[in-house]
Amino acid sequence: MEKIKFITDDNKEVEFYVVEQTEINENKYLLVADSEEEEAEALILKAVEEEEKETTYEIVDDDKELDIITKVFVELLEDVEIER
């Protein structure tokens, strides 16, 4: 898995592993995990702004959008179980 670094709003650096990525209705989404372990904590991130080589991501927190994107990731990753 690819490891990527994010800078939080309070300028802290955090690393996540990209489990999968997809694009739906011209929106880019990432499924990221805090480790490569089976019981890792995962987040679904949505690209909200792209400038040159940098993209800004936000955690998907809208329940309807989260349900839809979670189903897509479950289909893409047949051997992965995602719990909310």
PDB file of N, CA and C in Angstrom:
ATOM      1  N   MET A   1       0.837  -1.188   0.000  1.00  0.00           N
ATOM      2  CA  MET A   1       0.000   0.000   0.000  1.00  0.00           C
ATOM      3  C   MET A   1       0.877   1.246   0.000  1.00  0.00           C
ATOM      4  N   GLU A   2       0.397   2.227  -0.696  1.00  0.00           N
ATOM      5  CA  GLU A   2       1.095   3.517  -0.737  1.00  0.00           C
ATOM      6  C   GLU A   2       0.836   4.278   0.559  1.00  0.00           C
ATOM      7  N   LYS A   3       1.866   4.893   1.086  1.00  0.00           N
ATOM      8  CA  LYS A   3       1.757   5.699   2.306  1.00  0.00           C
ATOM      9  C   LYS A   3       1.823   7.165   1.890  1.00  0.00           C
ATOM     10  N   ILE A   4       0.879   7.970   2.405  1.00  0.00           N
ATOM     11  CA  ILE A   4       0.871   9.391   2.078  1.00  0.00           C
ATOM     12  C   ILE A   4       0.815  10.209   3.366  1.00  0.00           C
ATOM     13  N   LYS A   5       1.313  11.430   3.271  1.00  0.00           N
ATOM     14  CA  LYS A   5       1.334  12.335   4.422  1.00  0.00           C
ATOM     15  C   LYS A   5       0.317  13.447   4.206  1.00  0.00           C
ATOM     16  N   PHE A   6      -0.346  13.785   5.292  1.00  0.00           N
ATOM     17  CA  PHE A   6      -1.284  14.893   5.291  1.00  0.00           C
ATOM     18  C   PHE A   6      -0.850  15.891   6.348  1.00  0.00           C
ATOM     19  N   ILE A   7      -1.156  17.145   6.107  1.00  0.00           N
ATOM     20  CA  ILE A   7      -0.930  18.198   7.087  1.00  0.00           C
ATOM     21  C   ILE A   7      -2.308  18.620   7.597  1.00  0.00           C
ATOM     22  N   THR A   8      -2.509  18.527   8.909  1.00  0.00           N
ATOM     23  CA  THR A   8      -3.797  18.889   9.490  1.00  0.00           C
ATOM     24  C   THR A   8      -3.939  20.408   9.566  1.00  0.00           C
ATOM     25  N   ASP A   9      -5.127  20.855   9.929  1.00  0.00           N
ATOM     26  CA  ASP A   9      -5.385  22.292  10.054  1.00  0.00           C
ATOM     27  C   ASP A   9      -4.475  22.953  11.080  1.00  0.00           C
ATOM     28  N   ASP A  10      -4.033  22.185  12.073  1.00  0.00           N
ATOM     29  CA  ASP A  10      -3.136  22.745  13.085  1.00  0.00           C
ATOM     30  C   ASP A  10      -1.664  22.402  12.809  1.00  0.00           C
ATOM     31  N   ASN A  11      -1.364  22.166  11.525  1.00  0.00           N
ATOM     32  CA  ASN A  11      -0.008  21.934  11.008  1.00  0.00           C
ATOM     33  C   ASN A  11       0.696  20.699  11.566  1.00  0.00           C
ATOM     34  N   LYS A  12      -0.056  19.691  11.978  1.00  0.00           N
ATOM     35  CA  LYS A  12       0.533  18.423  12.383  1.00  0.00           C
ATOM     36  C   LYS A  12       0.575  17.489  11.178  1.00  0.00           C
ATOM     37  N   GLU A  13       1.640  16.723  11.080  1.00  0.00           N
ATOM     38  CA  GLU A  13       1.789  15.786   9.979  1.00  0.00           C
ATOM     39  C   GLU A  13       1.289  14.406  10.408  1.00  0.00           C
ATOM     40  N   VAL A  14       0.398  13.836   9.601  1.00  0.00           N
ATOM     41  CA  VAL A  14      -0.117  12.491   9.865  1.00  0.00           C
ATOM     42  C   VAL A  14       0.060  11.652   8.603  1.00  0.00           C
ATOM     43  N   GLU A  15       0.287  10.356   8.794  1.00  0.00           N
ATOM     44  CA  GLU A  15       0.475   9.460   7.664  1.00  0.00           C
ATOM     45  C   GLU A  15      -0.655   8.435   7.618  1.00  0.00           C
ATOM     46  N   PHE A  16      -1.081   8.137   6.409  1.00  0.00           N
ATOM     47  CA  PHE A  16      -2.094   7.125   6.175  1.00  0.00           C
ATOM     48  C   PHE A  16      -1.659   6.247   5.011  1.00  0.00           C
ATOM     49  N   TYR A  17      -2.203   5.045   5.006  1.00  0.00           N
ATOM     50  CA  TYR A  17      -2.004   4.129   3.892  1.00  0.00           C
ATOM     51  C   TYR A  17      -3.225   4.219   2.986  1.00  0.00           C
ATOM     52  N   VAL A  18      -2.994   4.375   1.694  1.00  0.00           N
ATOM     53  CA  VAL A  18      -4.096   4.421   0.737  1.00  0.00           C
ATOM     54  C   VAL A  18      -4.510   2.985   0.425  1.00  0.00           C
ATOM     55  N   VAL A  19      -5.721   2.633   0.830  1.00  0.00           N
ATOM     56  CA  VAL A  19      -6.241   1.296   0.609  1.00  0.00           C
ATOM     57  C   VAL A  19      -6.836   1.203  -0.790  1.00  0.00           C
ATOM     58  N   GLU A  20      -7.581   2.239  -1.183  1.00  0.00           N
ATOM     59  CA  GLU A  20      -8.227   2.270  -2.497  1.00  0.00           C
ATOM     60  C   GLU A  20      -8.592   3.710  -2.817  1.00  0.00           C
ATOM     61  N   GLN A  21      -8.792   3.979  -4.083  1.00  0.00           N
ATOM     62  CA  GLN A  21      -9.260   5.289  -4.516  1.00  0.00           C
ATOM     63  C   GLN A  21     -10.247   5.104  -5.648  1.00  0.00           C
ATOM     64  N   THR A  22     -11.156   6.053  -5.783  1.00  0.00           N
ATOM     65  CA  THR A  22     -12.156   5.989  -6.833  1.00  0.00           C
ATOM     66  C   THR A  22     -12.623   7.392  -7.176  1.00  0.00           C
ATOM     67  N   GLU A  23     -13.320   7.500  -8.287  1.00  0.00           N
ATOM     68  CA  GLU A  23     -13.900   8.780  -8.707  1.00  0.00           C
ATOM     69  C   GLU A  23     -15.361   8.540  -9.042  1.00  0.00           C
ATOM     70  N   ILE A  24     -16.230   9.346  -8.430  1.00  0.00           N
ATOM     71  CA  ILE A  24     -17.665   9.228  -8.642  1.00  0.00           C
ATOM     72  C   ILE A  24     -18.215  10.618  -8.901  1.00  0.00           C
ATOM     73  N   ASN A  25     -18.909  10.772 -10.005  1.00  0.00           N
ATOM     74  CA  ASN A  25     -19.487  12.067 -10.375  1.00  0.00           C
ATOM     75  C   ASN A  25     -18.447  13.187 -10.313  1.00  0.00           C
ATOM     76  N   GLU A  26     -17.289  12.931 -10.856  1.00  0.00           N
ATOM     77  CA  GLU A  26     -16.176  13.880 -10.919  1.00  0.00           C
ATOM     78  C   GLU A  26     -15.611  14.249  -9.548  1.00  0.00           C
ATOM     79  N   ASN A  27     -15.954  13.501  -8.512  1.00  0.00           N
ATOM     80  CA  ASN A  27     -15.387  13.692  -7.179  1.00  0.00           C
ATOM     81  C   ASN A  27     -14.409  12.553  -6.906  1.00  0.00           C
ATOM     82  N   LYS A  28     -13.228  12.896  -6.392  1.00  0.00           N
ATOM     83  CA  LYS A  28     -12.219  11.893  -6.076  1.00  0.00           C
ATOM     84  C   LYS A  28     -12.313  11.533  -4.599  1.00  0.00           C
ATOM     85  N   TYR A  29     -12.264  10.219  -4.329  1.00  0.00           N
ATOM     86  CA  TYR A  29     -12.345   9.716  -2.963  1.00  0.00           C
ATOM     87  C   TYR A  29     -11.177   8.789  -2.681  1.00  0.00           C
ATOM     88  N   LEU A  30     -10.700   8.820  -1.438  1.00  0.00           N
ATOM     89  CA  LEU A  30      -9.664   7.916  -0.969  1.00  0.00           C
ATOM     90  C   LEU A  30     -10.185   7.160   0.238  1.00  0.00           C
ATOM     91  N   LEU A  31      -9.903   5.862   0.282  1.00  0.00           N
ATOM     92  CA  LEU A  31     -10.101   5.082   1.491  1.00  0.00           C
ATOM     93  C   LEU A  31      -8.723   4.916   2.086  1.00  0.00           C
ATOM     94  N   VAL A  32      -8.502   5.481   3.259  1.00  0.00           N
ATOM     95  CA  VAL A  32      -7.191   5.441   3.903  1.00  0.00           C
ATOM     96  C   VAL A  32      -7.298   4.753   5.254  1.00  0.00           C
ATOM     97  N   ALA A  33      -6.171   4.163   5.691  1.00  0.00           N
ATOM     98  CA  ALA A  33      -6.118   3.483   6.986  1.00  0.00           C
ATOM     99  C   ALA A  33      -4.891   3.956   7.740  1.00  0.00           C
ATOM    100  N   ASP A  34      -4.973   3.870   9.073  1.00  0.00           N
ATOM    101  CA  ASP A  34      -3.865   4.334   9.897  1.00  0.00           C
ATOM    102  C   ASP A  34      -2.753   3.289  10.032  1.00  0.00           C
ATOM    103  N   SER A  35      -2.996   2.060   9.543  1.00  0.00           N
ATOM    104  CA  SER A  35      -1.959   1.026   9.557  1.00  0.00           C
ATOM    105  C   SER A  35      -2.287  -0.011   8.493  1.00  0.00           C
ATOM    106  N   GLU A  36      -1.393  -0.958   8.319  1.00  0.00           N
ATOM    107  CA  GLU A  36      -1.617  -2.028   7.351  1.00  0.00           C
ATOM    108  C   GLU A  36      -2.246  -3.262   8.006  1.00  0.00           C
ATOM    109  N   GLU A  37      -2.557  -3.163   9.280  1.00  0.00           N
ATOM    110  CA  GLU A  37      -3.151  -4.273  10.022  1.00  0.00           C
ATOM    111  C   GLU A  37      -4.608  -4.473   9.615  1.00  0.00           C
ATOM    112  N   GLU A  38      -5.144  -5.675   9.879  1.00  0.00           N
ATOM    113  CA  GLU A  38      -6.527  -5.987   9.528  1.00  0.00           C
ATOM    114  C   GLU A  38      -7.538  -5.134  10.284  1.00  0.00           C
ATOM    115  N   GLU A  39      -7.275  -4.810  11.514  1.00  0.00           N
ATOM    116  CA  GLU A  39      -8.203  -4.048  12.346  1.00  0.00           C
ATOM    117  C   GLU A  39      -7.874  -2.553  12.357  1.00  0.00           C
ATOM    118  N   ALA A  40      -7.400  -2.032  11.277  1.00  0.00           N
ATOM    119  CA  ALA A  40      -7.001  -0.624  11.198  1.00  0.00           C
ATOM    120  C   ALA A  40      -8.219   0.294  11.214  1.00  0.00           C
ATOM    121  N   GLU A  41      -7.994   1.495  11.722  1.00  0.00           N
ATOM    122  CA  GLU A  41      -9.011   2.544  11.646  1.00  0.00           C
ATOM    123  C   GLU A  41      -8.944   3.132  10.242  1.00  0.00           C
ATOM    124  N   ALA A  42     -10.098   3.343   9.621  1.00  0.00           N
ATOM    125  CA  ALA A  42     -10.124   3.835   8.250  1.00  0.00           C
ATOM    126  C   ALA A  42     -10.975   5.097   8.151  1.00  0.00           C
ATOM    127  N   LEU A  43     -10.656   5.893   7.154  1.00  0.00           N
ATOM    128  CA  LEU A  43     -11.401   7.111   6.844  1.00  0.00           C
ATOM    129  C   LEU A  43     -11.660   7.157   5.350  1.00  0.00           C
ATOM    130  N   ILE A  44     -12.756   7.787   4.985  1.00  0.00           N
ATOM    131  CA  ILE A  44     -12.999   8.077   3.575  1.00  0.00           C
ATOM    132  C   ILE A  44     -12.824   9.575   3.407  1.00  0.00           C
ATOM    133  N   LEU A  45     -11.923   9.937   2.503  1.00  0.00           N
ATOM    134  CA  LEU A  45     -11.600  11.337   2.259  1.00  0.00           C
ATOM    135  C   LEU A  45     -12.075  11.740   0.865  1.00  0.00           C
ATOM    136  N   LYS A  46     -12.474  12.982   0.744  1.00  0.00           N
ATOM    137  CA  LYS A  46     -12.937  13.531  -0.529  1.00  0.00           C
ATOM    138  C   LYS A  46     -12.053  14.699  -0.917  1.00  0.00           C
ATOM    139  N   ALA A  47     -11.595  14.704  -2.171  1.00  0.00           N
ATOM    140  CA  ALA A  47     -10.805  15.828  -2.676  1.00  0.00           C
ATOM    141  C   ALA A  47     -11.740  17.020  -2.833  1.00  0.00           C
ATOM    142  N   VAL A  48     -11.357  18.138  -2.224  1.00  0.00           N
ATOM    143  CA  VAL A  48     -12.222  19.318  -2.285  1.00  0.00           C
ATOM    144  C   VAL A  48     -11.591  20.481  -3.033  1.00  0.00           C
ATOM    145  N   GLU A  49     -10.280  20.427  -3.220  1.00  0.00           N
ATOM    146  CA  GLU A  49      -9.602  21.521  -3.905  1.00  0.00           C
ATOM    147  C   GLU A  49      -8.277  21.015  -4.462  1.00  0.00           C
ATOM    148  N   GLU A  50      -8.003  21.370  -5.698  1.00  0.00           N
ATOM    149  CA  GLU A  50      -6.732  20.985  -6.298  1.00  0.00           C
ATOM    150  C   GLU A  50      -6.028  22.220  -6.831  1.00  0.00           C
ATOM    151  N   GLU A  51      -4.794  22.397  -6.411  1.00  0.00           N
ATOM    152  CA  GLU A  51      -3.973  23.510  -6.885  1.00  0.00           C
ATOM    153  C   GLU A  51      -2.615  22.966  -7.264  1.00  0.00           C
ATOM    154  N   GLU A  52      -2.255  23.132  -8.522  1.00  0.00           N
ATOM    155  CA  GLU A  52      -0.976  22.645  -9.036  1.00  0.00           C
ATOM    156  C   GLU A  52      -0.739  21.204  -8.597  1.00  0.00           C
ATOM    157  N   LYS A  53       0.232  20.963  -7.723  1.00  0.00           N
ATOM    158  CA  LYS A  53       0.551  19.596  -7.315  1.00  0.00           C
ATOM    159  C   LYS A  53      -0.049  19.213  -5.973  1.00  0.00           C
ATOM    160  N   GLU A  54      -0.848  20.081  -5.356  1.00  0.00           N
ATOM    161  CA  GLU A  54      -1.410  19.804  -4.042  1.00  0.00           C
ATOM    162  C   GLU A  54      -2.930  19.678  -4.108  1.00  0.00           C
ATOM    163  N   THR A  55      -3.430  18.695  -3.395  1.00  0.00           N
ATOM    164  CA  THR A  55      -4.866  18.475  -3.299  1.00  0.00           C
ATOM    165  C   THR A  55      -5.261  18.541  -1.829  1.00  0.00           C
ATOM    166  N   THR A  56      -6.386  19.188  -1.563  1.00  0.00           N
ATOM    167  CA  THR A  56      -6.914  19.260  -0.210  1.00  0.00           C
ATOM    168  C   THR A  56      -8.020  18.222  -0.072  1.00  0.00           C
ATOM    169  N   TYR A  57      -7.961  17.456   1.021  1.00  0.00           N
ATOM    170  CA  TYR A  57      -8.964  16.426   1.286  1.00  0.00           C
ATOM    171  C   TYR A  57      -9.690  16.737   2.575  1.00  0.00           C
ATOM    172  N   GLU A  58     -10.974  16.346   2.621  1.00  0.00           N
ATOM    173  CA  GLU A  58     -11.773  16.458   3.833  1.00  0.00           C
ATOM    174  C   GLU A  58     -12.387  15.109   4.124  1.00  0.00           C
ATOM    175  N   ILE A  59     -12.589  14.827   5.398  1.00  0.00           N
ATOM    176  CA  ILE A  59     -13.245  13.589   5.802  1.00  0.00           C
ATOM    177  C   ILE A  59     -14.713  13.665   5.393  1.00  0.00           C
ATOM    178  N   VAL A  60     -15.210  12.612   4.766  1.00  0.00           N
ATOM    179  CA  VAL A  60     -16.619  12.553   4.385  1.00  0.00           C
ATOM    180  C   VAL A  60     -17.420  12.307   5.656  1.00  0.00           C
ATOM    181  N   ASP A  61     -18.298  13.254   6.005  1.00  0.00           N
ATOM    182  CA  ASP A  61     -19.088  13.095   7.218  1.00  0.00           C
ATOM    183  C   ASP A  61     -20.596  13.161   6.966  1.00  0.00           C
ATOM    184  N   ASP A  62     -20.989  13.414   5.730  1.00  0.00           N
ATOM    185  CA  ASP A  62     -22.402  13.384   5.369  1.00  0.00           C
ATOM    186  C   ASP A  62     -22.842  11.915   5.305  1.00  0.00           C
ATOM    187  N   ASP A  63     -23.825  11.536   6.119  1.00  0.00           N
ATOM    188  CA  ASP A  63     -24.219  10.132   6.226  1.00  0.00           C
ATOM    189  C   ASP A  63     -24.638   9.513   4.893  1.00  0.00           C
ATOM    190  N   LYS A  64     -25.402  10.234   4.103  1.00  0.00           N
ATOM    191  CA  LYS A  64     -25.872   9.699   2.818  1.00  0.00           C
ATOM    192  C   LYS A  64     -24.687   9.480   1.870  1.00  0.00           C
ATOM    193  N   GLU A  65     -23.830  10.469   1.750  1.00  0.00           N
ATOM    194  CA  GLU A  65     -22.654  10.355   0.890  1.00  0.00           C
ATOM    195  C   GLU A  65     -21.736   9.243   1.395  1.00  0.00           C
ATOM    196  N   LEU A  66     -21.553   9.160   2.707  1.00  0.00           N
ATOM    197  CA  LEU A  66     -20.700   8.138   3.302  1.00  0.00           C
ATOM    198  C   LEU A  66     -21.236   6.737   3.011  1.00  0.00           C
ATOM    199  N   ASP A  67     -22.527   6.541   3.114  1.00  0.00           N
ATOM    200  CA  ASP A  67     -23.125   5.234   2.809  1.00  0.00           C
ATOM    201  C   ASP A  67     -22.876   4.835   1.359  1.00  0.00           C
ATOM    202  N   ILE A  68     -23.062   5.767   0.447  1.00  0.00           N
ATOM    203  CA  ILE A  68     -22.869   5.483  -0.976  1.00  0.00           C
ATOM    204  C   ILE A  68     -21.417   5.132  -1.271  1.00  0.00           C
ATOM    205  N   ILE A  69     -20.490   5.939  -0.780  1.00  0.00           N
ATOM    206  CA  ILE A  69     -19.070   5.720  -1.065  1.00  0.00           C
ATOM    207  C   ILE A  69     -18.579   4.449  -0.380  1.00  0.00           C
ATOM    208  N   THR A  70     -19.066   4.177   0.828  1.00  0.00           N
ATOM    209  CA  THR A  70     -18.681   2.945   1.522  1.00  0.00           C
ATOM    210  C   THR A  70     -19.079   1.728   0.697  1.00  0.00           C
ATOM    211  N   LYS A  71     -20.284   1.723   0.144  1.00  0.00           N
ATOM    212  CA  LYS A  71     -20.740   0.608  -0.692  1.00  0.00           C
ATOM    213  C   LYS A  71     -19.841   0.431  -1.907  1.00  0.00           C
ATOM    214  N   VAL A  72     -19.414   1.526  -2.508  1.00  0.00           N
ATOM    215  CA  VAL A  72     -18.521   1.448  -3.673  1.00  0.00           C
ATOM    216  C   VAL A  72     -17.192   0.810  -3.272  1.00  0.00           C
ATOM    217  N   PHE A  73     -16.630   1.250  -2.161  1.00  0.00           N
ATOM    218  CA  PHE A  73     -15.359   0.678  -1.717  1.00  0.00           C
ATOM    219  C   PHE A  73     -15.501  -0.793  -1.339  1.00  0.00           C
ATOM    220  N   VAL A  74     -16.613  -1.177  -0.746  1.00  0.00           N
ATOM    221  CA  VAL A  74     -16.835  -2.590  -0.412  1.00  0.00           C
ATOM    222  C   VAL A  74     -16.873  -3.430  -1.693  1.00  0.00           C
ATOM    223  N   GLU A  75     -17.503  -2.918  -2.741  1.00  0.00           N
ATOM    224  CA  GLU A  75     -17.545  -3.628  -4.016  1.00  0.00           C
ATOM    225  C   GLU A  75     -16.158  -3.722  -4.649  1.00  0.00           C
ATOM    226  N   LEU A  76     -15.382  -2.640  -4.562  1.00  0.00           N
ATOM    227  CA  LEU A  76     -14.037  -2.637  -5.142  1.00  0.00           C
ATOM    228  C   LEU A  76     -13.092  -3.571  -4.390  1.00  0.00           C
ATOM    229  N   LEU A  77     -13.296  -3.694  -3.096  1.00  0.00           N
ATOM    230  CA  LEU A  77     -12.423  -4.497  -2.235  1.00  0.00           C
ATOM    231  C   LEU A  77     -13.232  -5.651  -1.652  1.00  0.00           C
ATOM    232  N   GLU A  78     -13.415  -6.681  -2.418  1.00  0.00           N
ATOM    233  CA  GLU A  78     -14.278  -7.788  -2.025  1.00  0.00           C
ATOM    234  C   GLU A  78     -13.877  -8.438  -0.703  1.00  0.00           C
ATOM    235  N   ASP A  79     -12.588  -8.429  -0.387  1.00  0.00           N
ATOM    236  CA  ASP A  79     -12.120  -9.118   0.824  1.00  0.00           C
ATOM    237  C   ASP A  79     -11.994  -8.189   2.036  1.00  0.00           C
ATOM    238  N   VAL A  80     -12.540  -6.977   1.937  1.00  0.00           N
ATOM    239  CA  VAL A  80     -12.438  -6.007   3.024  1.00  0.00           C
ATOM    240  C   VAL A  80     -13.823  -5.741   3.592  1.00  0.00           C
ATOM    241  N   GLU A  81     -13.908  -5.713   4.926  1.00  0.00           N
ATOM    242  CA  GLU A  81     -15.150  -5.389   5.596  1.00  0.00           C
ATOM    243  C   GLU A  81     -15.019  -4.016   6.230  1.00  0.00           C
ATOM    244  N   ILE A  82     -15.964  -3.141   5.952  1.00  0.00           N
ATOM    245  CA  ILE A  82     -15.933  -1.787   6.500  1.00  0.00           C
ATOM    246  C   ILE A  82     -17.095  -1.640   7.470  1.00  0.00           C
ATOM    247  N   GLU A  83     -16.764  -1.284   8.706  1.00  0.00           N
ATOM    248  CA  GLU A  83     -17.788  -1.066   9.722  1.00  0.00           C
ATOM    249  C   GLU A  83     -17.863   0.424  10.046  1.00  0.00           C
ATOM    250  N   ARG A  84     -19.071   0.907  10.292  1.00  0.00           N
ATOM    251  CA  ARG A  84     -19.266   2.308  10.669  1.00  0.00           C
ATOM    252  C   ARG A  84     -19.509   2.450  12.126  1.00  0.00           C
TER     253      ARG A  84
END
